[in-house]
Amino acid sequence: MDYVSALVPPVVMAVFFVGLIVTIVKSQGGDKKAKEDAAVDAAIARAEAARQAGPRPSDI
C-alpha cells in the first residue's frame, strides 16, 4: 500500500493543475477581453509616458 500513498499527492496535484489550465483557457477572450485589453493598454501608456518624462528632480 506504500505505492498508493506515494502516488496520491502527484495525482491530486495533476488534477488541480488540469483544472487550473482549463479555467485559464475558458476565461480567455469573451466579453471580458475588451476590458482586459483596455487595462493593459492603459498601463503601457502610463509606463511609456513616465519613461518619456525622464527623471523627476526629486529622483536625482
C-alpha atoms as a PDB file:
ATOM      1  CA  MET A   1       0.000   0.000   0.000  1.00  0.00           C
ATOM      2  CA  ASP A   2       3.024   2.286   0.145  1.00  0.00           C
ATOM      3  CA  TYR A   3       2.806   2.774  -3.604  1.00  0.00           C
ATOM      4  CA  VAL A   4      -0.739   4.144  -3.268  1.00  0.00           C
ATOM      5  CA  SER A   5       0.323   6.739  -0.692  1.00  0.00           C
ATOM      6  CA  ALA A   6       3.282   7.646  -2.903  1.00  0.00           C
ATOM      7  CA  LEU A   7       1.066   8.173  -5.973  1.00  0.00           C
ATOM      8  CA  VAL A   8      -1.800  10.117  -4.385  1.00  0.00           C
ATOM      9  CA  PRO A   9      -0.078  13.537  -3.993  1.00  0.00           C
ATOM     10  CA  PRO A  10       1.154  13.746  -7.618  1.00  0.00           C
ATOM     11  CA  VAL A  11      -2.224  12.624  -8.929  1.00  0.00           C
ATOM     12  CA  VAL A  12      -4.051  15.198  -6.797  1.00  0.00           C
ATOM     13  CA  MET A  13      -1.664  17.945  -7.939  1.00  0.00           C
ATOM     14  CA  ALA A  14      -2.110  16.896 -11.567  1.00  0.00           C
ATOM     15  CA  VAL A  15      -5.903  17.068 -11.257  1.00  0.00           C
ATOM     16  CA  PHE A  16      -5.752  20.559  -9.730  1.00  0.00           C
ATOM     17  CA  PHE A  17      -3.257  21.682 -12.377  1.00  0.00           C
ATOM     18  CA  VAL A  18      -5.515  20.481 -15.196  1.00  0.00           C
ATOM     19  CA  GLY A  19      -8.429  22.305 -13.551  1.00  0.00           C
ATOM     20  CA  LEU A  20      -6.354  25.481 -13.353  1.00  0.00           C
ATOM     21  CA  ILE A  21      -5.386  25.271 -17.020  1.00  0.00           C
ATOM     22  CA  VAL A  22      -8.996  24.653 -18.064  1.00  0.00           C
ATOM     23  CA  THR A  23     -10.131  27.665 -16.021  1.00  0.00           C
ATOM     24  CA  ILE A  24      -7.459  29.895 -17.562  1.00  0.00           C
ATOM     25  CA  VAL A  25      -8.318  28.797 -21.088  1.00  0.00           C
ATOM     26  CA  LYS A  26     -12.055  29.287 -20.543  1.00  0.00           C
ATOM     27  CA  SER A  27     -11.556  32.778 -19.116  1.00  0.00           C
ATOM     28  CA  GLN A  28      -9.601  33.990 -22.157  1.00  0.00           C
ATOM     29  CA  GLY A  29     -11.487  36.148 -24.616  1.00  0.00           C
ATOM     30  CA  GLY A  30     -15.213  36.585 -24.432  1.00  0.00           C
ATOM     31  CA  ASP A  31     -16.922  39.642 -23.045  1.00  0.00           C
ATOM     32  CA  LYS A  32     -14.070  40.405 -20.624  1.00  0.00           C
ATOM     33  CA  LYS A  33     -11.405  40.594 -23.339  1.00  0.00           C
ATOM     34  CA  ALA A  34     -12.032  44.234 -24.279  1.00  0.00           C
ATOM     35  CA  LYS A  35     -11.878  45.312 -20.632  1.00  0.00           C
ATOM     36  CA  GLU A  36      -8.632  43.398 -20.046  1.00  0.00           C
ATOM     37  CA  ASP A  37      -7.098  44.781 -23.244  1.00  0.00           C
ATOM     38  CA  ALA A  38      -8.049  48.331 -22.234  1.00  0.00           C
ATOM     39  CA  ALA A  39      -6.442  47.886 -18.811  1.00  0.00           C
ATOM     40  CA  VAL A  40      -3.210  46.595 -20.365  1.00  0.00           C
ATOM     41  CA  ASP A  41      -3.155  49.406 -22.940  1.00  0.00           C
ATOM     42  CA  ALA A  42      -3.637  51.998 -20.173  1.00  0.00           C
ATOM     43  CA  ALA A  43      -0.798  50.513 -18.109  1.00  0.00           C
ATOM     44  CA  ILE A  44       1.511  50.516 -21.132  1.00  0.00           C
ATOM     45  CA  ALA A  45       0.581  54.131 -21.926  1.00  0.00           C
ATOM     46  CA  ARG A  46       1.336  55.190 -18.324  1.00  0.00           C
ATOM     47  CA  ALA A  47       4.691  53.429 -18.394  1.00  0.00           C
ATOM     48  CA  GLU A  48       5.588  54.972 -21.745  1.00  0.00           C
ATOM     49  CA  ALA A  49       4.606  58.468 -20.549  1.00  0.00           C
ATOM     50  CA  ALA A  50       6.699  58.062 -17.403  1.00  0.00           C
ATOM     51  CA  ARG A  51       9.666  56.852 -19.443  1.00  0.00           C
ATOM     52  CA  GLN A  52       9.452  59.792 -21.831  1.00  0.00           C
ATOM     53  CA  ALA A  53       9.072  62.303 -18.995  1.00  0.00           C
ATOM     54  CA  GLY A  54      12.509  61.385 -17.714  1.00  0.00           C
ATOM     55  CA  PRO A  55      13.707  61.568 -14.121  1.00  0.00           C
ATOM     56  CA  ARG A  56      11.966  63.978 -11.766  1.00  0.00           C
ATOM     57  CA  PRO A  57      14.085  66.446  -9.784  1.00  0.00           C
ATOM     58  CA  SER A  58      13.270  64.505  -6.614  1.00  0.00           C
ATOM     59  CA  ASP A  59      14.782  61.358  -8.184  1.00  0.00           C
ATOM     60  CA  ILE A  60      18.175  62.989  -8.711  1.00  0.00           C
END
